[in-house]
Amino acid sequence: MKPATYLESTIALVKTIEESFLVLSERLKKIRDDKLYESSYDNFEEFLEEAKVSPATASKMIQIYEKFILELGFSNEEVVESGGWSLLYSIIPFCKNKTQAKEWMGKTKILPRHELEVAIREERTGVDSYKCEHEMQEVCFKQCKVCGLRTK
């Protein structure tokens, strides 16, 4: 296979994964909301454990589906082309309406991740990161020497 063809097929694979993410998000919401898990599991979390999906990931996926598909009415295609589900999750707080969501979804498409993180931080704080004088504070945490678990 030629390198260009290999690259194109890899990009197509990523799109397929994002499309599958939306299908899975919709299914998780239906399973949770309609309590479809009750016939085989004691609760939704038990089902998630069997499905190998963490409760945090399921929650994020459902929130993205609810916000962008159900509440704001974007098509699956528009959501798939917006740069990935982790980026979409990070912009949810700034998408109060479809106009704001379109603006932020546009940013997820064109900005490198670190620049999107700067834009999110600036939106959250109201401070221009490049003009800030950065009053740094030390943040301490404990980390297990064996497994790497971190706590404050």
C-alpha atoms as a PDB file:
ATOM      1  CA  MET A   1       0.000   0.000   0.000  1.00  0.00           C
ATOM      2  CA  LYS A   2       1.302   3.452  -0.922  1.00  0.00           C
ATOM      3  CA  PRO A   3       2.002   5.780   2.020  1.00  0.00           C
ATOM      4  CA  ALA A   4      -0.605   8.308   0.828  1.00  0.00           C
ATOM      5  CA  THR A   5      -3.272   5.595   0.630  1.00  0.00           C
ATOM      6  CA  TYR A   6      -2.277   4.288   4.061  1.00  0.00           C
ATOM      7  CA  LEU A   7      -2.577   7.795   5.522  1.00  0.00           C
ATOM      8  CA  GLU A   8      -5.976   8.374   3.900  1.00  0.00           C
ATOM      9  CA  SER A   9      -7.314   5.062   5.174  1.00  0.00           C
ATOM     10  CA  THR A  10      -6.054   5.896   8.663  1.00  0.00           C
ATOM     11  CA  ILE A  11      -7.916   9.219   8.615  1.00  0.00           C
ATOM     12  CA  ALA A  12     -11.044   7.372   7.453  1.00  0.00           C
ATOM     13  CA  LEU A  13     -10.601   4.947  10.353  1.00  0.00           C
ATOM     14  CA  VAL A  14     -10.517   7.843  12.829  1.00  0.00           C
ATOM     15  CA  LYS A  15     -13.790   9.149  11.367  1.00  0.00           C
ATOM     16  CA  THR A  16     -15.315   5.674  11.734  1.00  0.00           C
ATOM     17  CA  ILE A  17     -14.222   5.589  15.378  1.00  0.00           C
ATOM     18  CA  GLU A  18     -15.825   8.998  16.014  1.00  0.00           C
ATOM     19  CA  GLU A  19     -19.047   7.838  14.332  1.00  0.00           C
ATOM     20  CA  SER A  20     -19.023   4.719  16.530  1.00  0.00           C
ATOM     21  CA  PHE A  21     -18.477   6.922  19.567  1.00  0.00           C
ATOM     22  CA  LEU A  22     -21.761   8.729  18.837  1.00  0.00           C
ATOM     23  CA  VAL A  23     -23.638   5.460  18.349  1.00  0.00           C
ATOM     24  CA  LEU A  24     -22.222   4.188  21.640  1.00  0.00           C
ATOM     25  CA  SER A  25     -23.132   7.471  23.376  1.00  0.00           C
ATOM     26  CA  GLU A  26     -26.728   7.174  22.210  1.00  0.00           C
ATOM     27  CA  ARG A  27     -26.891   3.535  23.310  1.00  0.00           C
ATOM     28  CA  LEU A  28     -25.438   4.264  26.758  1.00  0.00           C
ATOM     29  CA  LYS A  29     -27.997   7.033  27.269  1.00  0.00           C
ATOM     30  CA  LYS A  30     -30.868   4.731  26.248  1.00  0.00           C
ATOM     31  CA  ILE A  31     -29.602   1.890  28.452  1.00  0.00           C
ATOM     32  CA  ARG A  32     -29.274   4.258  31.410  1.00  0.00           C
ATOM     33  CA  ASP A  33     -32.496   6.238  30.912  1.00  0.00           C
ATOM     34  CA  ASP A  34     -34.734   3.292  29.999  1.00  0.00           C
ATOM     35  CA  LYS A  35     -33.056   1.052  32.615  1.00  0.00           C
ATOM     36  CA  LEU A  36     -32.448  -1.628  29.998  1.00  0.00           C
ATOM     37  CA  TYR A  37     -29.688  -3.022  32.220  1.00  0.00           C
ATOM     38  CA  GLU A  38     -32.239  -4.217  34.837  1.00  0.00           C
ATOM     39  CA  SER A  39     -32.866  -7.562  33.126  1.00  0.00           C
ATOM     40  CA  SER A  40     -29.215  -8.620  33.520  1.00  0.00           C
ATOM     41  CA  TYR A  41     -27.479  -6.259  35.965  1.00  0.00           C
ATOM     42  CA  ASP A  42     -28.215  -4.770  39.367  1.00  0.00           C
ATOM     43  CA  ASN A  43     -27.423  -1.244  38.196  1.00  0.00           C
ATOM     44  CA  PHE A  44     -26.016   0.825  35.339  1.00  0.00           C
ATOM     45  CA  GLU A  45     -22.527   0.879  36.855  1.00  0.00           C
ATOM     46  CA  GLU A  46     -22.438  -2.932  36.922  1.00  0.00           C
ATOM     47  CA  PHE A  47     -23.356  -2.971  33.228  1.00  0.00           C
ATOM     48  CA  LEU A  48     -20.609  -0.423  32.510  1.00  0.00           C
ATOM     49  CA  GLU A  49     -18.080  -2.591  34.329  1.00  0.00           C
ATOM     50  CA  GLU A  50     -19.037  -5.555  32.135  1.00  0.00           C
ATOM     51  CA  ALA A  51     -18.831  -3.334  29.025  1.00  0.00           C
ATOM     52  CA  LYS A  52     -15.376  -2.096  30.131  1.00  0.00           C
ATOM     53  CA  VAL A  53     -16.525   1.544  30.101  1.00  0.00           C
ATOM     54  CA  SER A  54     -15.711   3.658  33.131  1.00  0.00           C
ATOM     55  CA  PRO A  55     -18.608   5.578  34.680  1.00  0.00           C
ATOM     56  CA  ALA A  56     -16.712   8.834  34.032  1.00  0.00           C
ATOM     57  CA  THR A  57     -16.277   8.047  30.332  1.00  0.00           C
ATOM     58  CA  ALA A  58     -19.921   7.007  29.979  1.00  0.00           C
ATOM     59  CA  SER A  59     -21.021  10.224  31.667  1.00  0.00           C
ATOM     60  CA  LYS A  60     -18.890  12.350  29.338  1.00  0.00           C
ATOM     61  CA  MET A  61     -20.128  10.523  26.254  1.00  0.00           C
ATOM     62  CA  ILE A  62     -23.762  10.902  27.300  1.00  0.00           C
ATOM     63  CA  GLN A  63     -23.280  14.609  28.084  1.00  0.00           C
ATOM     64  CA  ILE A  64     -21.831  15.209  24.610  1.00  0.00           C
ATOM     65  CA  TYR A  65     -24.728  13.363  22.975  1.00  0.00           C
ATOM     66  CA  GLU A  66     -27.308  15.223  25.045  1.00  0.00           C
ATOM     67  CA  LYS A  67     -25.749  18.661  24.459  1.00  0.00           C
ATOM     68  CA  PHE A  68     -24.787  18.589  20.794  1.00  0.00           C
ATOM     69  CA  ILE A  69     -27.303  16.145  19.285  1.00  0.00           C
ATOM     70  CA  LEU A  70     -30.428  16.409  21.454  1.00  0.00           C
ATOM     71  CA  GLU A  71     -30.299  19.929  22.915  1.00  0.00           C
ATOM     72  CA  LEU A  72     -28.581  21.898  20.143  1.00  0.00           C
ATOM     73  CA  GLY A  73     -29.714  19.778  17.203  1.00  0.00           C
ATOM     74  CA  PHE A  74     -26.420  19.197  15.423  1.00  0.00           C
ATOM     75  CA  SER A  75     -26.248  16.308  12.985  1.00  0.00           C
ATOM     76  CA  ASN A  76     -24.053  13.316  13.728  1.00  0.00           C
ATOM     77  CA  GLU A  77     -21.821  14.388  10.826  1.00  0.00           C
ATOM     78  CA  GLU A  78     -21.310  17.886  12.291  1.00  0.00           C
ATOM     79  CA  VAL A  79     -20.361  16.407  15.646  1.00  0.00           C
ATOM     80  CA  VAL A  80     -18.042  13.790  14.114  1.00  0.00           C
ATOM     81  CA  GLU A  81     -16.157  16.472  12.198  1.00  0.00           C
ATOM     82  CA  SER A  82     -15.565  18.611  15.280  1.00  0.00           C
ATOM     83  CA  GLY A  83     -12.237  17.221  16.335  1.00  0.00           C
ATOM     84  CA  GLY A  84     -13.016  14.358  18.679  1.00  0.00           C
ATOM     85  CA  TRP A  85     -15.116  13.644  21.709  1.00  0.00           C
ATOM     86  CA  SER A  86     -12.591  14.752  24.357  1.00  0.00           C
ATOM     87  CA  LEU A  87     -12.406  18.191  22.727  1.00  0.00           C
ATOM     88  CA  LEU A  88     -16.191  18.422  22.523  1.00  0.00           C
ATOM     89  CA  TYR A  89     -16.496  17.557  26.193  1.00  0.00           C
ATOM     90  CA  SER A  90     -14.095  20.362  27.102  1.00  0.00           C
ATOM     91  CA  ILE A  91     -16.209  23.018  25.347  1.00  0.00           C
ATOM     92  CA  ILE A  92     -19.630  22.018  26.744  1.00  0.00           C
ATOM     93  CA  PRO A  93     -19.644  24.778  29.414  1.00  0.00           C
ATOM     94  CA  PHE A  94     -19.285  27.446  26.697  1.00  0.00           C
ATOM     95  CA  CYS A  95     -22.021  26.129  24.390  1.00  0.00           C
ATOM     96  CA  LYS A  96     -25.155  27.705  25.853  1.00  0.00           C
ATOM     97  CA  ASN A  97     -26.775  27.965  22.410  1.00  0.00           C
ATOM     98  CA  LYS A  98     -26.207  26.770  18.850  1.00  0.00           C
ATOM     99  CA  THR A  99     -24.361  29.937  17.808  1.00  0.00           C
ATOM    100  CA  GLN A 100     -21.847  29.606  20.647  1.00  0.00           C
ATOM    101  CA  ALA A 101     -21.512  25.890  19.962  1.00  0.00           C
ATOM    102  CA  LYS A 102     -20.770  26.506  16.272  1.00  0.00           C
ATOM    103  CA  GLU A 103     -18.071  28.996  17.245  1.00  0.00           C
ATOM    104  CA  TRP A 104     -16.436  26.594  19.693  1.00  0.00           C
ATOM    105  CA  MET A 105     -16.812  23.589  17.386  1.00  0.00           C
ATOM    106  CA  GLY A 106     -15.040  25.645  14.723  1.00  0.00           C
ATOM    107  CA  LYS A 107     -12.180  26.195  17.167  1.00  0.00           C
ATOM    108  CA  THR A 108     -11.912  22.456  17.866  1.00  0.00           C
ATOM    109  CA  LYS A 109     -11.449  21.894  14.130  1.00  0.00           C
ATOM    110  CA  ILE A 110      -8.701  24.431  13.504  1.00  0.00           C
ATOM    111  CA  LEU A 111      -6.788  25.041  16.734  1.00  0.00           C
ATOM    112  CA  PRO A 112      -4.039  22.729  17.949  1.00  0.00           C
ATOM    113  CA  ARG A 113      -4.996  21.165  21.294  1.00  0.00           C
ATOM    114  CA  HIS A 114      -2.698  23.422  23.355  1.00  0.00           C
ATOM    115  CA  GLU A 115      -4.155  26.567  21.743  1.00  0.00           C
ATOM    116  CA  LEU A 116      -7.694  25.316  22.364  1.00  0.00           C
ATOM    117  CA  GLU A 117      -6.757  24.741  26.022  1.00  0.00           C
ATOM    118  CA  VAL A 118      -5.502  28.354  26.204  1.00  0.00           C
ATOM    119  CA  ALA A 119      -8.773  29.610  24.650  1.00  0.00           C
ATOM    120  CA  ILE A 120     -10.795  27.553  27.150  1.00  0.00           C
ATOM    121  CA  ARG A 121      -8.737  28.826  30.094  1.00  0.00           C
ATOM    122  CA  GLU A 122      -9.127  32.427  28.888  1.00  0.00           C
ATOM    123  CA  GLU A 123     -12.895  31.986  28.456  1.00  0.00           C
ATOM    124  CA  ARG A 124     -13.170  30.436  31.935  1.00  0.00           C
ATOM    125  CA  THR A 125     -11.057  33.097  33.704  1.00  0.00           C
ATOM    126  CA  GLY A 126     -11.622  36.152  31.509  1.00  0.00           C
ATOM    127  CA  VAL A 127      -7.845  36.715  31.495  1.00  0.00           C
ATOM    128  CA  ASP A 128      -5.657  36.935  28.378  1.00  0.00           C
ATOM    129  CA  SER A 129      -2.904  34.383  29.039  1.00  0.00           C
ATOM    130  CA  TYR A 130      -0.375  36.322  26.998  1.00  0.00           C
ATOM    131  CA  LYS A 131      -0.932  39.552  28.936  1.00  0.00           C
ATOM    132  CA  CYS A 132      -1.137  37.929  32.369  1.00  0.00           C
ATOM    133  CA  GLU A 133       1.747  38.583  34.765  1.00  0.00           C
ATOM    134  CA  HIS A 134       1.348  35.030  36.121  1.00  0.00           C
ATOM    135  CA  GLU A 135       1.307  35.104  39.901  1.00  0.00           C
ATOM    136  CA  MET A 136       2.443  31.525  40.328  1.00  0.00           C
ATOM    137  CA  GLN A 137       1.540  29.404  43.328  1.00  0.00           C
ATOM    138  CA  GLU A 138       3.024  26.116  44.385  1.00  0.00           C
ATOM    139  CA  VAL A 139       0.645  23.161  44.176  1.00  0.00           C
ATOM    140  CA  CYS A 140       1.562  20.100  46.200  1.00  0.00           C
ATOM    141  CA  PHE A 141       0.333  16.546  45.936  1.00  0.00           C
ATOM    142  CA  LYS A 142       1.364  13.113  47.129  1.00  0.00           C
ATOM    143  CA  GLN A 143       2.216  10.334  44.679  1.00  0.00           C
ATOM    144  CA  CYS A 144       2.521   6.624  45.451  1.00  0.00           C
ATOM    145  CA  LYS A 145       6.035   5.365  44.658  1.00  0.00           C
ATOM    146  CA  VAL A 146       4.624   2.007  43.578  1.00  0.00           C
ATOM    147  CA  CYS A 147       1.528   2.645  41.461  1.00  0.00           C
ATOM    148  CA  GLY A 148       1.738   6.376  40.751  1.00  0.00           C
ATOM    149  CA  LEU A 149      -1.639   7.286  42.336  1.00  0.00           C
ATOM    150  CA  ARG A 150      -1.756  11.031  43.033  1.00  0.00           C
ATOM    151  CA  THR A 151      -3.651  12.756  45.850  1.00  0.00           C
ATOM    152  CA  LYS A 152      -3.609  16.292  47.204  1.00  0.00           C
END
